[in-house]
C-alpha cells in the first residue's frame, strides 16, 4: 500500500471549516477513486496545522489521482483557507498497527 501525506497551514479560526470540507467532500470523493483504502486527518487547533494521510492500494492508484486532476480538484476546495501552499509527499506503507475497539 501507498500513502499520500499532505500538510497544510490555515488560520486557526478556519480549521473547523477546513475539517468539515475534508470530511463532507474530500473523503466521499476519494471513496469513488480506484484503489482508495482510507483517510486520516490530524489537526492542531492552536497553530491551524493539518495533516492528511490517504492510503491507496498501489502507487499507480495514488498517481492516477495526480494525473487525472482529482488531487488538484480536492486541494482547490481549500485554496481560500491556506496560509501557504500545501506540502505533499508519497510513501510506501511498510507497517501499520491500529488498535481494535473490541
Protein backbone atom coordinates (compact mmCIF):
# COMPACT_ATOMS: atom_id res chain seq x y z
CA UNK A 1 0.00 0.00 0.00
CA UNK A 2 0.99 3.60 -0.51
CA UNK A 3 0.12 6.85 1.24
CA UNK A 4 -0.17 10.47 0.27
CA UNK A 5 0.69 12.81 3.13
CA UNK A 6 -0.40 16.42 2.73
CA UNK A 7 0.46 19.09 5.30
CA UNK A 8 -1.41 22.38 5.24
CA UNK A 9 -1.41 25.56 7.26
CA UNK A 10 -4.60 27.55 7.75
CA UNK A 11 -5.61 30.28 10.16
CA UNK A 12 -6.68 28.56 13.40
CA UNK A 13 -10.13 30.14 13.19
CA UNK A 14 -10.66 28.40 9.81
CA UNK A 15 -9.65 24.93 10.96
CA UNK A 16 -13.23 23.81 11.66
CA UNK A 17 -14.31 24.85 8.15
CA UNK A 18 -11.36 23.00 6.60
CA UNK A 19 -12.11 19.90 8.69
CA UNK A 20 -15.76 19.94 7.61
CA UNK A 21 -14.80 20.23 3.91
CA UNK A 22 -12.40 17.32 4.30
CA UNK A 23 -14.96 15.06 5.99
CA UNK A 24 -18.03 16.06 3.95
CA UNK A 25 -16.49 16.49 0.49
CA UNK A 26 -12.92 15.22 0.10
CA UNK A 27 -13.35 11.81 1.73
CA UNK A 28 -16.55 10.99 -0.21
CA UNK A 29 -14.77 11.96 -3.46
CA UNK A 30 -11.79 9.79 -2.50
CA UNK A 31 -14.09 6.85 -1.83
CA UNK A 32 -15.06 6.99 -5.51
CA UNK A 33 -11.43 6.59 -6.67
CA UNK A 34 -10.00 3.21 -7.64
CA UNK A 35 -7.63 1.84 -5.03
CA UNK A 36 -8.61 4.20 -2.19
CA UNK A 37 -8.36 2.41 1.17
CA UNK A 38 -8.85 5.12 3.82
CA UNK A 39 -8.04 8.55 5.21
CA UNK A 40 -6.72 10.05 8.42
CA UNK A 41 -6.78 13.74 9.38
CA UNK A 42 -4.72 15.23 12.20
CA UNK A 43 -5.11 18.87 13.30
CA UNK A 44 -3.61 21.30 15.78
CA UNK A 45 -6.23 23.80 16.97
CA UNK A 46 -3.64 26.24 18.29
CA UNK A 47 -1.50 26.52 15.16
CA UNK A 48 -4.01 25.72 12.41
CA UNK A 49 -1.78 22.99 11.00
CA UNK A 50 -3.46 19.92 9.49
CA UNK A 51 -2.00 16.70 8.11
CA UNK A 52 -3.99 14.39 5.86
CA UNK A 53 -2.91 10.83 5.15
CA UNK A 54 -4.72 8.92 2.44
CA UNK A 55 -3.98 5.26 1.84
CA UNK A 56 -4.04 3.62 -1.60
CA UNK A 57 -3.67 0.05 -2.86
CA UNK A 58 -0.77 0.93 -5.14
CA UNK A 59 1.46 3.77 -6.24
CA UNK A 60 -0.34 3.57 -9.59
CA UNK A 61 -3.68 4.26 -7.88
CA UNK A 62 -2.17 7.16 -5.97
CA UNK A 63 -0.55 8.64 -9.11
CA UNK A 64 -3.71 8.18 -11.18
CA UNK A 65 -5.31 10.81 -8.95
CA UNK A 66 -2.48 13.21 -9.72
CA UNK A 67 -2.69 12.64 -13.46
CA UNK A 68 -6.48 12.79 -13.70
CA UNK A 69 -6.80 16.12 -11.87
CA UNK A 70 -8.58 14.53 -8.90
CA UNK A 71 -5.94 15.65 -6.39
CA UNK A 72 -5.86 19.22 -7.72
CA UNK A 73 -9.66 19.37 -7.57
CA UNK A 74 -9.64 18.34 -3.91
CA UNK A 75 -6.89 20.81 -2.97
CA UNK A 76 -8.84 23.51 -4.80
CA UNK A 77 -11.63 23.18 -2.24
CA UNK A 78 -9.31 24.71 0.36
CA UNK A 79 -7.41 27.44 -1.51
CA UNK A 80 -9.32 30.26 0.20
CA UNK A 81 -8.10 28.99 3.57
CA UNK A 82 -4.40 28.19 3.02
CA UNK A 83 -1.82 30.39 4.71
CA UNK A 84 0.82 28.80 2.44
CA UNK A 85 0.84 26.20 -0.32
CA UNK A 86 0.34 22.62 0.88
CA UNK A 87 3.27 20.20 1.13
CA UNK A 88 2.69 16.78 -0.42
CA UNK A 89 4.72 13.59 -0.22
CA UNK A 90 4.12 9.97 -1.15
CA UNK A 91 5.37 6.95 0.77
CA UNK A 92 5.17 3.19 0.69
CA UNK A 93 3.49 1.75 3.78
CA UNK A 94 5.71 -0.89 5.35
CA UNK A 95 3.86 -1.37 8.66
CA UNK A 96 0.51 -0.49 10.19
CA UNK A 97 -0.90 -1.39 13.59
CA UNK A 98 -4.23 0.02 14.70
CA UNK A 99 -5.89 -1.00 17.95
CA UNK A 100 -9.26 -2.68 17.65
CA UNK A 101 -12.25 -1.35 19.59
CA UNK A 102 -13.31 -4.81 20.63
